[in-house]
Amino acid sequence: MSLRDALRHQAGSNRHLDSPFTARVLDLLADNIQPGTPLTDRLFNWSGNIGPRGHSVPLRLLAGLHALVLTNTCPALKAVYPPNASPDDATLWAAIETALRDHAQMLDQWLDNPPQTNEVRRAAVLIAAGHWLAARYELPIRMYELGASAGLNLMWDRFALTLPGGQIGPPDPVITLTPDWHGDLPTGHTPSILSRRGVDLMPMDASDPTDALRLISYLWADQPERLSRTRAVIKVLDAQVDAGDAANWLDEQLERVAPDHLTLVYHTIAWQYFPPQTQAQCRATIEAAAQRGPIAHFSMEADEHLDKGACLTLTLWPEGQKLTCGRADFHGRWVDWTAP
């Protein structure tokens, strides 16, 4: 996939995910960006898969541009970004071109790291699964997230979920999620969380201003509700995310598995980035550890039906029983829940 094709493909995805402004930015880049500077030459000569199944280069560049706006480093760009009125294409491209020329060094640094969105709306399915598991096992839960980024979704038990006819979650939630809910309604009761911990190859420390900026920059500028939700969770974040390989880390963490609690291992749009060997080792670790106590493995991941959102599955160990829980939008805008 060429750079221009990758930019246009990402533009289509952003448009589909209700971000028309960022789709315009990506389309303008696809139509107008030219090689000839160190920054643009790096983009055009990027080795490997630069699309969404690979290095996601368009998202890295888009986040760099947003970071320039958030830090007021490029006033010309900030003037044409939301919440300001959307300009015509010529004016918008002129501002983007200024950013590419005058702030190439910062944009080049933003290209060095993979996307870190940590979308908290995905927690809607964790809330539903957590309530069901709490009722089934009647045990407190130790939870472990693979590919946790900054760990924002390790706080899901402190979020509320609005459903047709009611709401579940704590009485004083940090945030309230309101996805378009279809299918079955969640059942169960409020879980008791003993501990929460995550792992990521490159974890983010949301208390660090630089890492917080990276997290916010990967959200899209014309989606202010996503920005406000993420900032609210950052303020109350109380979860440890370790740096490391998911398989080796999980092997160490699951030494604590015991019959007096439920161990919940989960990941949301992260598994696809794990090498096959890591995936296989994680599965083997879970199966082996389940001989010492119950483990639930919840997954929200892409499958062959990308146009239908992410597939939701729940595997219960030691039985190895795999349950289908429906599908959800990759950003958590809608959930089509199938009761386990």
Protein backbone atom coordinates (compact mmCIF):
# COMPACT_ATOMS: atom_id res chain seq x y z
CA MET A 1 0.00 0.00 0.00
CA SER A 2 1.39 3.40 -1.01
CA LEU A 3 1.38 6.42 1.29
CA ARG A 4 -1.42 8.07 -0.67
CA ASP A 5 -3.51 4.90 -0.62
CA ALA A 6 -2.96 4.51 3.11
CA LEU A 7 -4.02 8.11 3.74
CA ARG A 8 -7.18 7.69 1.64
CA HIS A 9 -8.01 4.39 3.32
CA GLN A 10 -7.66 5.95 6.76
CA ALA A 11 -9.76 8.91 5.63
CA GLY A 12 -12.56 6.51 4.76
CA SER A 13 -12.30 4.85 8.17
CA ASN A 14 -12.38 8.19 9.98
CA ARG A 15 -15.39 9.30 7.99
CA HIS A 16 -17.15 6.03 8.86
CA LEU A 17 -16.27 6.62 12.53
CA ASP A 18 -17.96 10.04 12.56
CA SER A 19 -14.88 12.22 12.17
CA PRO A 20 -15.45 14.17 8.94
CA PHE A 21 -12.88 16.84 9.77
CA THR A 22 -9.97 14.45 10.23
CA ALA A 23 -11.10 12.60 7.10
CA ARG A 24 -10.73 15.89 5.21
CA VAL A 25 -7.24 16.38 6.64
CA LEU A 26 -6.21 12.90 5.50
CA ASP A 27 -7.75 13.36 2.07
CA LEU A 28 -5.92 16.67 1.63
CA LEU A 29 -2.66 15.02 2.63
CA ALA A 30 -3.28 12.22 0.13
CA ASP A 31 -3.96 14.70 -2.66
CA ASN A 32 -1.24 17.24 -1.96
CA ILE A 33 1.71 15.94 0.08
CA GLN A 34 4.92 15.68 -1.93
CA PRO A 35 8.35 14.14 -1.29
CA GLY A 36 11.39 16.38 -1.14
CA THR A 37 11.91 17.14 2.55
CA PRO A 38 13.38 14.86 5.23
CA LEU A 39 9.92 14.49 6.80
CA THR A 40 7.97 13.75 3.63
CA ASP A 41 10.73 11.53 2.25
CA ARG A 42 10.49 9.46 5.42
CA LEU A 43 6.75 9.11 4.89
CA PHE A 44 7.01 8.14 1.23
CA ASN A 45 9.88 5.71 1.84
CA TRP A 46 8.46 4.01 4.92
CA SER A 47 9.25 0.30 4.84
CA GLY A 48 6.70 -2.36 5.71
CA ASN A 49 2.93 -2.14 5.96
CA ILE A 50 2.01 1.49 6.60
CA GLY A 51 -1.74 0.88 6.76
CA PRO A 52 -4.10 0.06 9.65
CA ARG A 53 -2.98 -3.58 9.83
CA GLY A 54 0.63 -2.48 10.11
CA HIS A 55 2.37 0.68 11.30
CA SER A 56 -0.69 2.96 10.95
CA VAL A 57 1.45 5.79 9.60
CA PRO A 58 -1.51 8.05 8.68
CA LEU A 59 -2.73 7.96 12.29
CA ARG A 60 0.75 8.81 13.55
CA LEU A 61 0.90 11.86 11.28
CA LEU A 62 -2.65 12.90 12.15
CA ALA A 63 -1.81 12.70 15.86
CA GLY A 64 1.29 14.81 15.34
CA LEU A 65 -0.77 17.52 13.69
CA HIS A 66 -3.29 17.42 16.55
CA ALA A 67 -0.44 17.70 19.07
CA LEU A 68 0.69 20.90 17.36
CA VAL A 69 -2.83 22.26 17.90
CA LEU A 70 -3.17 21.08 21.50
CA THR A 71 0.14 22.70 22.47
CA ASN A 72 -0.52 25.85 20.39
CA THR A 73 2.83 25.20 18.70
CA CYS A 74 1.40 26.02 15.28
CA PRO A 75 -1.11 28.89 15.55
CA ALA A 76 -1.91 28.71 11.83
CA LEU A 77 -3.06 25.13 12.22
CA LYS A 78 -4.91 25.76 15.47
CA ALA A 79 -6.90 28.51 13.77
CA VAL A 80 -8.42 26.04 11.31
CA TYR A 81 -8.95 23.14 13.71
CA PRO A 82 -12.07 22.50 15.81
CA PRO A 83 -13.71 24.06 17.69
CA ASN A 84 -13.08 26.82 15.14
CA ALA A 85 -15.28 26.97 12.06
CA SER A 86 -14.19 24.60 9.31
CA PRO A 87 -12.45 26.49 6.48
CA ASP A 88 -12.43 25.72 2.77
CA ASP A 89 -9.99 23.10 1.50
CA ALA A 90 -7.45 25.61 0.20
CA THR A 91 -7.21 27.38 3.57
CA LEU A 92 -7.04 24.11 5.49
CA TRP A 93 -4.32 22.72 3.25
CA ALA A 94 -2.28 25.92 3.53
CA ALA A 95 -2.28 25.53 7.32
CA ILE A 96 -1.33 21.84 7.09
CA GLU A 97 1.47 22.70 4.67
CA THR A 98 2.75 25.31 7.12
CA ALA A 99 2.81 22.70 9.88
CA LEU A 100 4.67 20.20 7.69
CA ARG A 101 7.26 22.82 6.79
CA ASP A 102 7.74 24.73 10.04
CA HIS A 103 7.29 21.92 12.56
CA ALA A 104 8.81 18.98 10.75
CA GLN A 105 11.01 18.01 13.69
CA MET A 106 8.09 17.58 16.10
CA LEU A 107 6.05 15.70 13.50
CA ASP A 108 9.03 13.46 12.79
CA GLN A 109 9.23 12.59 16.50
CA TRP A 110 5.50 11.78 16.53
CA LEU A 111 6.06 9.27 13.74
CA ASP A 112 8.42 7.25 15.94
CA ASN A 113 5.74 5.67 18.12
CA PRO A 114 2.67 3.55 17.29
CA PRO A 115 -0.85 4.85 17.94
CA GLN A 116 -2.05 4.95 21.55
CA THR A 117 -5.77 5.68 21.63
CA ASN A 118 -6.90 3.84 24.79
CA GLU A 119 -10.54 4.40 23.77
CA VAL A 120 -12.60 4.34 26.98
CA ARG A 121 -15.93 3.77 25.20
CA ARG A 122 -14.79 0.19 24.61
CA ALA A 123 -15.31 -0.31 28.34
CA ALA A 124 -19.05 -0.64 27.71
CA VAL A 125 -18.58 -4.32 26.81
CA LEU A 126 -16.28 -4.83 29.81
CA ILE A 127 -19.01 -3.53 32.11
CA ALA A 128 -21.54 -5.92 30.58
CA ALA A 129 -19.17 -8.90 30.76
CA GLY A 130 -18.04 -7.99 34.29
CA HIS A 131 -21.60 -7.93 35.65
CA TRP A 132 -22.36 -11.31 34.08
CA LEU A 133 -19.18 -12.85 35.47
CA ALA A 134 -19.83 -11.45 38.95
CA ALA A 135 -23.20 -13.20 39.03
CA ARG A 136 -21.97 -16.48 37.54
CA TYR A 137 -19.00 -16.96 39.87
CA GLU A 138 -19.99 -14.92 42.94
CA LEU A 139 -16.30 -14.25 43.52
CA PRO A 140 -14.20 -11.08 43.70
CA ILE A 141 -12.17 -10.38 40.56
CA ARG A 142 -8.49 -9.83 39.85
CA MET A 143 -8.18 -8.35 36.37
CA TYR A 144 -5.33 -8.18 33.91
CA GLU A 145 -5.37 -6.24 30.64
CA LEU A 146 -3.08 -7.11 27.73
CA GLY A 147 -2.08 -4.19 25.52
CA ALA A 148 -3.35 -1.78 28.16
CA SER A 149 -1.71 1.43 26.87
CA ALA A 150 -2.16 3.84 29.82
CA GLY A 151 -4.59 1.56 31.67
CA LEU A 152 -7.69 3.74 31.30
CA ASN A 153 -9.91 0.74 30.63
CA LEU A 154 -8.65 -0.95 33.79
CA MET A 155 -11.01 1.50 35.52
CA TRP A 156 -14.18 0.15 33.83
CA ASP A 157 -15.85 -0.81 37.10
CA ARG A 158 -15.98 2.90 37.98
CA PHE A 159 -17.87 3.75 34.78
CA ALA A 160 -21.65 3.65 34.37
CA LEU A 161 -23.40 2.23 31.32
CA THR A 162 -26.71 3.64 30.11
CA LEU A 163 -29.02 1.02 28.63
CA PRO A 164 -32.56 1.01 27.27
CA GLY A 165 -34.68 1.37 30.38
CA GLY A 166 -31.94 1.94 32.92
CA GLN A 167 -28.32 2.23 33.93
CA ILE A 168 -25.78 -0.09 35.53
CA GLY A 169 -22.57 0.74 37.32
CA PRO A 170 -21.61 2.69 40.44
CA PRO A 171 -23.89 5.45 41.76
CA ASP A 172 -21.11 8.05 41.39
CA PRO A 173 -19.42 7.10 38.10
CA VAL A 174 -16.31 8.78 36.75
CA ILE A 175 -17.95 8.79 33.34
CA THR A 176 -21.19 7.46 31.89
CA LEU A 177 -21.08 5.56 28.60
CA THR A 178 -24.09 5.81 26.30
CA PRO A 179 -23.59 3.50 23.32
CA ASP A 180 -26.42 2.59 20.98
CA TRP A 181 -27.35 -0.72 22.59
CA HIS A 182 -28.90 -3.55 20.59
CA GLY A 183 -29.67 -7.17 21.37
CA ASP A 184 -29.83 -8.58 24.87
CA LEU A 185 -29.56 -6.43 27.98
CA PRO A 186 -26.72 -7.22 30.41
CA THR A 187 -27.58 -9.30 33.43
CA GLY A 188 -25.78 -9.91 36.72
CA HIS A 189 -24.64 -7.65 39.51
CA THR A 190 -21.91 -5.19 40.42
CA PRO A 191 -18.49 -6.86 40.53
CA SER A 192 -16.03 -6.58 43.40
CA ILE A 193 -12.53 -5.82 42.12
CA LEU A 194 -9.59 -7.06 44.18
CA SER A 195 -6.85 -5.71 41.93
CA ARG A 196 -6.22 -4.29 38.47
CA ARG A 197 -3.04 -4.41 36.43
CA GLY A 198 -2.01 -4.19 32.79
CA VAL A 199 0.90 -4.66 30.43
CA ASP A 200 2.00 -2.95 27.25
CA LEU A 201 5.19 -2.99 25.22
CA MET A 202 5.24 0.80 25.42
CA PRO A 203 2.94 1.78 28.30
CA MET A 204 1.82 5.34 28.75
CA ASP A 205 1.98 7.19 32.06
CA ALA A 206 -1.07 9.41 31.98
CA SER A 207 0.27 11.41 34.95
CA ASP A 208 3.19 12.50 32.78
CA PRO A 209 2.28 15.57 30.67
CA THR A 210 4.12 14.24 27.62
CA ASP A 211 2.36 10.88 27.70
CA ALA A 212 -0.99 12.52 28.43
CA LEU A 213 -0.49 14.72 25.36
CA ARG A 214 0.19 11.64 23.24
CA LEU A 215 -2.99 9.97 24.48
CA ILE A 216 -5.13 13.03 23.77
CA SER A 217 -3.49 13.71 20.41
CA TYR A 218 -4.62 10.35 19.05
CA LEU A 219 -8.23 11.32 19.70
CA TRP A 220 -9.82 13.21 16.84
CA ALA A 221 -10.20 16.95 17.10
CA ASP A 222 -13.83 17.04 15.96
CA GLN A 223 -14.95 14.57 18.66
CA PRO A 224 -14.94 16.70 21.84
CA GLU A 225 -16.88 14.13 23.89
CA ARG A 226 -14.05 11.60 23.43
CA LEU A 227 -11.58 14.23 24.57
CA SER A 228 -13.56 15.13 27.70
CA ARG A 229 -14.17 11.48 28.65
CA THR A 230 -10.50 10.61 28.37
CA ARG A 231 -9.43 13.63 30.41
CA ALA A 232 -11.95 12.70 33.13
CA VAL A 233 -10.59 9.16 33.44
CA ILE A 234 -6.99 10.37 33.46
CA LYS A 235 -7.79 12.44 36.56
CA VAL A 236 -8.79 9.38 38.59
CA LEU A 237 -6.53 6.74 37.05
CA ASP A 238 -5.30 4.33 39.71
CA ALA A 239 -3.94 1.31 37.87
CA GLN A 240 -0.44 0.02 37.23
CA VAL A 241 0.65 -0.77 33.68
CA ASP A 242 3.95 -2.61 33.36
CA ALA A 243 6.28 -2.48 30.38
CA GLY A 244 6.92 -5.87 28.85
CA ASP A 245 5.96 -8.73 26.60
CA ALA A 246 2.38 -9.81 27.24
CA ALA A 247 3.12 -13.55 27.33
CA ASN A 248 6.00 -13.41 29.80
CA TRP A 249 4.16 -10.90 31.98
CA LEU A 250 0.96 -12.95 32.02
CA ASP A 251 2.87 -16.08 33.02
CA GLU A 252 4.20 -14.24 36.07
CA GLN A 253 0.89 -12.60 37.02
CA LEU A 254 -1.18 -15.78 36.80
CA GLU A 255 0.90 -17.40 39.51
CA ARG A 256 -1.65 -15.71 41.80
CA VAL A 257 -4.60 -17.67 40.38
CA ALA A 258 -6.53 -19.36 43.19
CA PRO A 259 -10.03 -20.77 43.76
CA ASP A 260 -11.06 -17.92 46.09
CA HIS A 261 -11.30 -15.35 43.26
CA LEU A 262 -12.00 -15.07 39.54
CA THR A 263 -9.13 -14.06 37.30
CA LEU A 264 -10.24 -11.93 34.35
CA VAL A 265 -7.82 -11.53 31.44
CA TYR A 266 -8.96 -9.22 28.66
CA HIS A 267 -7.87 -7.16 25.68
CA THR A 268 -9.62 -4.72 23.34
CA ILE A 269 -8.21 -4.19 19.84
CA ALA A 270 -4.73 -5.32 20.87
CA TRP A 271 -4.47 -9.05 20.13
CA GLN A 272 -3.91 -8.46 16.40
CA TYR A 273 -0.64 -6.70 17.20
CA PHE A 274 0.76 -9.67 19.15
CA PRO A 275 3.06 -12.07 17.24
CA PRO A 276 1.55 -15.56 16.77
CA GLN A 277 4.06 -16.96 19.27
CA THR A 278 2.92 -14.47 21.92
CA GLN A 279 -0.73 -15.30 21.27
CA ALA A 280 -0.06 -19.03 21.57
CA GLN A 281 1.96 -18.60 24.78
CA CYS A 282 -0.79 -16.48 26.35
CA ARG A 283 -3.39 -19.14 25.59
CA ALA A 284 -1.19 -21.90 27.00
CA THR A 285 -0.49 -19.87 30.16
CA ILE A 286 -4.19 -19.26 30.77
CA GLU A 287 -5.08 -22.92 30.25
CA ALA A 288 -2.33 -24.12 32.59
CA ALA A 289 -3.09 -21.55 35.33
CA ALA A 290 -6.80 -22.43 35.24
CA GLN A 291 -6.00 -25.72 36.93
CA ARG A 292 -5.53 -23.66 40.11
CA GLY A 293 -8.65 -21.48 39.89
CA PRO A 294 -11.27 -20.07 37.52
CA ILE A 295 -10.18 -17.77 34.68
CA ALA A 296 -12.31 -15.78 32.22
CA HIS A 297 -10.70 -14.55 29.00
CA PHE A 298 -12.64 -11.72 27.34
CA SER A 299 -11.76 -10.50 23.87
CA MET A 300 -12.93 -7.55 21.77
CA GLU A 301 -11.01 -7.91 18.53
CA ALA A 302 -11.21 -7.58 14.77
CA ASP A 303 -12.02 -10.65 12.70
CA GLU A 304 -12.74 -11.28 9.02
CA HIS A 305 -15.94 -9.18 9.25
CA LEU A 306 -14.33 -5.77 9.67
CA ASP A 307 -17.42 -4.00 8.32
CA LYS A 308 -19.46 -5.39 11.21
CA GLY A 309 -17.29 -4.11 14.05
CA ALA A 310 -15.29 -6.13 16.55
CA CYS A 311 -16.12 -9.67 17.64
CA LEU A 312 -16.82 -10.21 21.35
CA THR A 313 -15.91 -13.57 22.85
CA LEU A 314 -15.66 -14.92 26.37
CA THR A 315 -13.79 -18.13 27.16
CA LEU A 316 -14.25 -19.74 30.57
CA TRP A 317 -11.51 -21.89 32.06
CA PRO A 318 -10.79 -24.60 33.13
CA GLU A 319 -13.72 -25.78 31.02
CA GLY A 320 -12.45 -24.10 27.85
CA GLN A 321 -16.04 -23.07 27.09
CA LYS A 322 -16.11 -20.35 24.40
CA LEU A 323 -19.12 -18.07 24.42
CA THR A 324 -20.13 -15.54 21.78
CA CYS A 325 -21.10 -12.14 23.18
CA GLY A 326 -22.03 -10.34 19.96
CA ARG A 327 -20.23 -7.46 18.27
CA ALA A 328 -19.32 -3.85 18.99
CA ASP A 329 -18.16 -0.79 17.15
CA PHE A 330 -14.38 -0.41 17.29
CA HIS A 331 -14.78 2.89 19.14
CA GLY A 332 -17.66 1.67 21.31
CA ARG A 333 -20.33 3.81 19.64
CA TRP A 334 -22.71 0.84 19.45
CA VAL A 335 -22.95 -2.62 20.97
CA ASP A 336 -24.97 -5.58 19.68
CA TRP A 337 -24.87 -7.76 22.79
CA THR A 338 -25.56 -11.47 22.90
CA ALA A 339 -26.01 -12.71 26.45
CA PRO A 340 -23.33 -15.35 27.23
